[in-house]
């Protein structure tokens, strides 16, 4: 398991209380429930919604250049922009997710890196 994900899991208090595998599954379920409809389970955005909004591949070097703070801001505040003539929107999750969950999601997204 990579250091960033492990650190996030420690913050969540999941390592020790549960196995690392259980913690991984919890974050995976969180990503699948909140993010995968658009971003895809593999982060490649090859879903119907992801293609319609021309979303970027989270595994790409270009996407991964973003900072953790930029990722956190997008998760918490959402986003609205137009790219390549296509509107891209993401709802904010500030009322649904807390800091440790956001940190764990960012670490999870980093795992998509090619």
N, C-alpha and C. Protein backbone atom coordinates (compact mmCIF):
# COMPACT_ATOMS: atom_id res chain seq x y z
N UNK A 1 0.85 -1.17 0.00
CA UNK A 1 0.00 0.00 0.00
C UNK A 1 0.90 1.23 0.00
N UNK A 2 0.54 2.22 -0.74
CA UNK A 2 1.37 3.41 -0.84
C UNK A 2 1.26 4.26 0.41
N UNK A 3 2.31 5.04 0.65
CA UNK A 3 2.40 5.85 1.86
C UNK A 3 1.26 6.85 2.00
N UNK A 4 0.87 7.54 0.93
CA UNK A 4 -0.20 8.54 1.02
C UNK A 4 -1.52 7.93 1.45
N UNK A 5 -1.87 6.80 0.88
CA UNK A 5 -3.11 6.15 1.25
C UNK A 5 -3.03 5.65 2.69
N UNK A 6 -1.91 5.10 3.07
CA UNK A 6 -1.75 4.60 4.43
C UNK A 6 -1.87 5.76 5.43
N UNK A 7 -1.26 6.90 5.12
CA UNK A 7 -1.37 8.07 6.01
C UNK A 7 -2.81 8.50 6.15
N UNK A 8 -3.54 8.54 5.05
CA UNK A 8 -4.94 8.93 5.10
C UNK A 8 -5.76 7.94 5.91
N UNK A 9 -5.44 6.69 5.80
CA UNK A 9 -6.16 5.68 6.56
C UNK A 9 -5.87 5.80 8.05
N UNK A 10 -4.63 6.17 8.38
CA UNK A 10 -4.30 6.39 9.78
C UNK A 10 -5.11 7.56 10.33
N UNK A 11 -5.22 8.63 9.54
CA UNK A 11 -6.02 9.78 9.95
C UNK A 11 -7.46 9.37 10.20
N UNK A 12 -7.97 8.51 9.34
CA UNK A 12 -9.34 8.04 9.49
C UNK A 12 -9.49 7.11 10.70
N UNK A 13 -8.37 6.68 11.26
CA UNK A 13 -8.44 5.76 12.39
C UNK A 13 -8.82 4.36 11.97
N UNK A 14 -8.61 4.06 10.70
CA UNK A 14 -9.04 2.76 10.20
C UNK A 14 -7.97 1.69 10.33
N UNK A 15 -6.71 2.10 10.36
CA UNK A 15 -5.64 1.12 10.50
C UNK A 15 -5.51 0.83 11.99
N UNK A 16 -5.51 -0.40 12.32
CA UNK A 16 -5.46 -0.79 13.72
C UNK A 16 -6.83 -1.27 14.16
N UNK A 17 -7.85 -0.45 13.98
CA UNK A 17 -9.20 -0.84 14.34
C UNK A 17 -9.73 -1.86 13.35
N UNK A 18 -9.36 -1.71 12.11
CA UNK A 18 -9.75 -2.62 11.05
C UNK A 18 -8.49 -3.02 10.30
N UNK A 19 -8.59 -4.01 9.47
CA UNK A 19 -7.44 -4.36 8.65
C UNK A 19 -7.26 -3.31 7.56
N UNK A 20 -6.07 -3.20 7.03
CA UNK A 20 -5.81 -2.27 5.94
C UNK A 20 -6.69 -2.61 4.75
N UNK A 21 -6.94 -3.89 4.55
CA UNK A 21 -7.80 -4.31 3.44
C UNK A 21 -9.22 -3.79 3.63
N UNK A 22 -9.73 -3.84 4.83
CA UNK A 22 -11.08 -3.32 5.11
C UNK A 22 -11.13 -1.82 4.90
N UNK A 23 -10.07 -1.13 5.31
CA UNK A 23 -10.00 0.32 5.11
C UNK A 23 -9.97 0.65 3.62
N UNK A 24 -9.18 -0.10 2.86
CA UNK A 24 -9.13 0.09 1.41
C UNK A 24 -10.52 -0.07 0.80
N UNK A 25 -11.22 -1.08 1.24
CA UNK A 25 -12.57 -1.34 0.72
C UNK A 25 -13.53 -0.21 1.08
N UNK A 26 -13.38 0.36 2.27
CA UNK A 26 -14.25 1.46 2.68
C UNK A 26 -14.03 2.68 1.77
N UNK A 27 -12.78 3.00 1.49
CA UNK A 27 -12.48 4.13 0.62
C UNK A 27 -12.93 3.83 -0.81
N UNK A 28 -12.73 2.61 -1.25
CA UNK A 28 -13.19 2.21 -2.58
C UNK A 28 -14.71 2.34 -2.69
N UNK A 29 -15.44 1.92 -1.67
CA UNK A 29 -16.91 2.07 -1.67
C UNK A 29 -17.31 3.54 -1.68
N UNK A 30 -16.58 4.35 -0.94
CA UNK A 30 -16.86 5.79 -0.93
C UNK A 30 -16.65 6.39 -2.31
N UNK A 31 -15.54 6.06 -2.95
CA UNK A 31 -15.27 6.55 -4.31
C UNK A 31 -16.36 6.06 -5.26
N UNK A 32 -16.69 4.79 -5.18
CA UNK A 32 -17.70 4.23 -6.08
C UNK A 32 -19.07 4.89 -5.88
N UNK A 33 -19.40 5.22 -4.65
CA UNK A 33 -20.72 5.82 -4.40
C UNK A 33 -20.79 7.31 -4.76
N UNK A 34 -19.68 8.02 -4.61
CA UNK A 34 -19.70 9.47 -4.83
C UNK A 34 -19.10 9.90 -6.17
N UNK A 35 -18.20 9.12 -6.72
CA UNK A 35 -17.37 9.60 -7.83
C UNK A 35 -17.45 8.79 -9.12
N UNK A 36 -17.66 7.50 -9.01
CA UNK A 36 -17.47 6.63 -10.18
C UNK A 36 -18.52 6.79 -11.28
N UNK A 37 -19.67 7.35 -10.98
CA UNK A 37 -20.68 7.54 -12.04
C UNK A 37 -20.12 8.41 -13.16
N UNK A 38 -19.29 9.36 -12.80
CA UNK A 38 -18.67 10.23 -13.81
C UNK A 38 -17.22 9.83 -14.09
N UNK A 39 -16.46 9.61 -13.02
CA UNK A 39 -15.03 9.35 -13.17
C UNK A 39 -14.71 7.90 -13.53
N UNK A 40 -15.67 7.00 -13.37
CA UNK A 40 -15.41 5.58 -13.62
C UNK A 40 -14.71 4.94 -12.45
N UNK A 41 -14.90 3.65 -12.27
CA UNK A 41 -14.26 2.94 -11.15
C UNK A 41 -12.75 2.93 -11.26
N UNK A 42 -12.24 3.10 -12.49
CA UNK A 42 -10.80 3.11 -12.71
C UNK A 42 -10.25 4.52 -12.89
N UNK A 43 -11.11 5.54 -12.75
CA UNK A 43 -10.68 6.93 -12.87
C UNK A 43 -10.48 7.43 -14.29
N UNK A 44 -10.78 6.61 -15.27
CA UNK A 44 -10.52 6.98 -16.66
C UNK A 44 -11.65 7.76 -17.31
N UNK A 45 -12.76 7.97 -16.60
CA UNK A 45 -13.90 8.78 -17.06
C UNK A 45 -14.54 8.23 -18.33
N UNK A 46 -14.50 6.93 -18.51
CA UNK A 46 -15.09 6.32 -19.70
C UNK A 46 -16.52 5.86 -19.45
N UNK A 47 -17.21 6.57 -18.57
CA UNK A 47 -18.63 6.31 -18.31
C UNK A 47 -19.45 7.18 -19.25
N UNK A 48 -20.74 6.93 -19.32
CA UNK A 48 -21.60 7.74 -20.17
C UNK A 48 -21.51 9.22 -19.77
N UNK A 49 -21.62 9.50 -18.48
CA UNK A 49 -21.52 10.88 -17.99
C UNK A 49 -20.13 11.46 -18.21
N UNK A 50 -19.12 10.67 -17.93
CA UNK A 50 -17.73 11.13 -18.10
C UNK A 50 -17.43 11.51 -19.53
N UNK A 51 -17.89 10.69 -20.47
CA UNK A 51 -17.68 10.98 -21.89
C UNK A 51 -18.48 12.21 -22.31
N UNK A 52 -19.72 12.31 -21.83
CA UNK A 52 -20.58 13.44 -22.19
C UNK A 52 -19.95 14.77 -21.74
N UNK A 53 -19.30 14.76 -20.57
CA UNK A 53 -18.69 15.98 -20.05
C UNK A 53 -17.22 16.11 -20.43
N UNK A 54 -16.71 15.21 -21.26
CA UNK A 54 -15.32 15.24 -21.71
C UNK A 54 -14.35 15.35 -20.53
N UNK A 55 -14.59 14.52 -19.52
CA UNK A 55 -13.76 14.55 -18.33
C UNK A 55 -12.40 13.95 -18.60
N UNK A 56 -11.42 14.44 -17.84
CA UNK A 56 -10.05 13.96 -18.01
C UNK A 56 -9.83 12.63 -17.28
N UNK A 57 -8.90 11.88 -17.78
CA UNK A 57 -8.47 10.61 -17.21
C UNK A 57 -7.66 10.90 -15.94
N UNK A 58 -8.15 10.45 -14.80
CA UNK A 58 -7.46 10.71 -13.54
C UNK A 58 -6.10 10.01 -13.46
N UNK A 59 -5.87 9.04 -14.31
CA UNK A 59 -4.60 8.32 -14.31
C UNK A 59 -3.54 9.03 -15.14
N UNK A 60 -3.95 10.01 -15.92
CA UNK A 60 -3.00 10.69 -16.81
C UNK A 60 -2.02 11.56 -16.03
N UNK A 61 -0.84 11.71 -16.59
CA UNK A 61 0.18 12.56 -15.97
C UNK A 61 -0.33 14.00 -15.85
N UNK A 62 -1.08 14.46 -16.83
CA UNK A 62 -1.62 15.82 -16.79
C UNK A 62 -2.53 16.01 -15.58
N UNK A 63 -3.45 15.09 -15.38
CA UNK A 63 -4.37 15.18 -14.24
C UNK A 63 -3.60 15.09 -12.93
N UNK A 64 -2.67 14.17 -12.85
CA UNK A 64 -1.93 13.93 -11.61
C UNK A 64 -0.99 15.09 -11.25
N UNK A 65 -0.77 16.04 -12.18
CA UNK A 65 0.03 17.22 -11.86
C UNK A 65 -0.67 18.13 -10.86
N UNK A 66 -1.99 18.00 -10.74
CA UNK A 66 -2.73 18.80 -9.78
C UNK A 66 -2.25 18.53 -8.37
N UNK A 67 -2.33 19.55 -7.53
CA UNK A 67 -1.89 19.38 -6.14
C UNK A 67 -3.00 18.74 -5.32
N UNK A 68 -2.62 18.20 -4.18
CA UNK A 68 -3.62 17.63 -3.28
C UNK A 68 -4.62 18.70 -2.86
N UNK A 69 -4.14 19.91 -2.65
CA UNK A 69 -5.04 21.00 -2.25
C UNK A 69 -6.05 21.32 -3.36
N UNK A 70 -5.63 21.26 -4.61
CA UNK A 70 -6.57 21.48 -5.72
C UNK A 70 -7.61 20.38 -5.77
N UNK A 71 -7.19 19.15 -5.55
CA UNK A 71 -8.13 18.03 -5.54
C UNK A 71 -9.13 18.18 -4.40
N UNK A 72 -8.62 18.53 -3.21
CA UNK A 72 -9.49 18.71 -2.05
C UNK A 72 -10.52 19.81 -2.30
N UNK A 73 -10.06 20.90 -2.88
CA UNK A 73 -10.95 22.02 -3.16
C UNK A 73 -12.06 21.59 -4.12
N UNK A 74 -11.71 20.85 -5.15
CA UNK A 74 -12.71 20.38 -6.11
C UNK A 74 -13.72 19.46 -5.43
N UNK A 75 -13.25 18.58 -4.56
CA UNK A 75 -14.15 17.66 -3.87
C UNK A 75 -15.09 18.44 -2.94
N UNK A 76 -14.53 19.35 -2.17
CA UNK A 76 -15.33 20.07 -1.17
C UNK A 76 -16.23 21.14 -1.78
N UNK A 77 -15.70 21.89 -2.75
CA UNK A 77 -16.44 23.03 -3.31
C UNK A 77 -17.12 22.72 -4.63
N UNK A 78 -16.80 21.58 -5.23
CA UNK A 78 -17.34 21.27 -6.55
C UNK A 78 -16.66 22.12 -7.60
N UNK A 79 -17.17 22.04 -8.81
CA UNK A 79 -16.59 22.85 -9.87
C UNK A 79 -17.56 23.01 -11.02
N UNK A 80 -17.42 24.09 -11.70
CA UNK A 80 -18.18 24.35 -12.92
C UNK A 80 -17.22 25.03 -13.87
N UNK A 81 -17.03 24.42 -15.03
CA UNK A 81 -16.19 25.03 -16.04
C UNK A 81 -16.59 24.50 -17.40
N UNK A 82 -16.06 25.11 -18.40
CA UNK A 82 -16.30 24.65 -19.76
C UNK A 82 -14.94 24.33 -20.37
N UNK A 83 -14.83 23.12 -20.88
CA UNK A 83 -13.59 22.69 -21.51
C UNK A 83 -13.91 22.05 -22.85
N UNK A 84 -13.23 22.49 -23.86
CA UNK A 84 -13.45 21.96 -25.22
C UNK A 84 -14.90 22.14 -25.65
N UNK A 85 -15.51 23.26 -25.22
CA UNK A 85 -16.89 23.54 -25.59
C UNK A 85 -17.93 22.70 -24.87
N UNK A 86 -17.51 21.99 -23.84
CA UNK A 86 -18.40 21.11 -23.09
C UNK A 86 -18.45 21.58 -21.63
N UNK A 87 -19.66 21.69 -21.08
CA UNK A 87 -19.80 22.06 -19.68
C UNK A 87 -19.46 20.88 -18.79
N UNK A 88 -18.62 21.17 -17.81
CA UNK A 88 -18.23 20.17 -16.83
C UNK A 88 -18.67 20.69 -15.46
N UNK A 89 -19.41 19.88 -14.73
CA UNK A 89 -19.88 20.26 -13.41
C UNK A 89 -19.70 19.12 -12.43
N UNK A 90 -19.33 19.49 -11.22
CA UNK A 90 -19.23 18.52 -10.14
C UNK A 90 -19.85 19.16 -8.91
N UNK A 91 -20.75 18.44 -8.29
CA UNK A 91 -21.40 18.93 -7.07
C UNK A 91 -20.39 19.02 -5.93
N UNK A 92 -20.57 19.97 -5.02
CA UNK A 92 -19.71 20.04 -3.84
C UNK A 92 -20.10 18.96 -2.82
N UNK A 93 -19.11 18.47 -2.11
CA UNK A 93 -19.35 17.44 -1.10
C UNK A 93 -19.01 17.92 0.30
N UNK A 94 -18.87 19.25 0.49
CA UNK A 94 -18.48 19.79 1.79
C UNK A 94 -19.46 19.44 2.90
N UNK A 95 -20.71 19.25 2.57
CA UNK A 95 -21.71 18.90 3.59
C UNK A 95 -21.80 17.40 3.83
N UNK A 96 -21.15 16.60 2.98
CA UNK A 96 -21.25 15.15 3.10
C UNK A 96 -19.97 14.48 3.56
N UNK A 97 -18.83 15.08 3.22
CA UNK A 97 -17.54 14.45 3.52
C UNK A 97 -16.73 15.32 4.48
N UNK A 98 -16.03 14.69 5.37
CA UNK A 98 -15.17 15.38 6.33
C UNK A 98 -13.72 15.28 5.88
N UNK A 99 -12.86 16.07 6.50
CA UNK A 99 -11.44 16.14 6.14
C UNK A 99 -10.75 14.81 5.92
N UNK A 100 -10.83 13.89 6.88
CA UNK A 100 -10.14 12.61 6.69
C UNK A 100 -10.66 11.82 5.49
N UNK A 101 -11.95 11.89 5.23
CA UNK A 101 -12.52 11.20 4.07
C UNK A 101 -12.00 11.83 2.78
N UNK A 102 -11.92 13.14 2.76
CA UNK A 102 -11.42 13.85 1.58
C UNK A 102 -9.96 13.49 1.35
N UNK A 103 -9.17 13.49 2.43
CA UNK A 103 -7.75 13.11 2.31
C UNK A 103 -7.61 11.70 1.76
N UNK A 104 -8.44 10.79 2.25
CA UNK A 104 -8.38 9.40 1.78
C UNK A 104 -8.79 9.30 0.31
N UNK A 105 -9.78 10.09 -0.10
CA UNK A 105 -10.20 10.09 -1.52
C UNK A 105 -9.08 10.63 -2.41
N UNK A 106 -8.41 11.68 -1.96
CA UNK A 106 -7.30 12.22 -2.75
C UNK A 106 -6.21 11.15 -2.89
N UNK A 107 -5.87 10.49 -1.80
CA UNK A 107 -4.86 9.42 -1.85
C UNK A 107 -5.32 8.30 -2.78
N UNK A 108 -6.59 7.96 -2.73
CA UNK A 108 -7.15 6.92 -3.60
C UNK A 108 -7.00 7.33 -5.07
N UNK A 109 -7.29 8.59 -5.37
CA UNK A 109 -7.15 9.08 -6.75
C UNK A 109 -5.71 9.07 -7.21
N UNK A 110 -4.79 9.28 -6.29
CA UNK A 110 -3.37 9.23 -6.64
C UNK A 110 -2.96 7.81 -7.05
N UNK A 111 -3.68 6.81 -6.57
CA UNK A 111 -3.38 5.43 -6.91
C UNK A 111 -3.68 5.12 -8.38
N UNK A 112 -4.46 5.97 -9.04
CA UNK A 112 -4.76 5.76 -10.46
C UNK A 112 -3.59 6.10 -11.36
N UNK A 113 -2.59 6.80 -10.82
CA UNK A 113 -1.46 7.27 -11.60
C UNK A 113 -0.85 6.15 -12.43
N UNK A 114 -0.62 6.45 -13.69
CA UNK A 114 -0.04 5.46 -14.61
C UNK A 114 1.43 5.26 -14.34
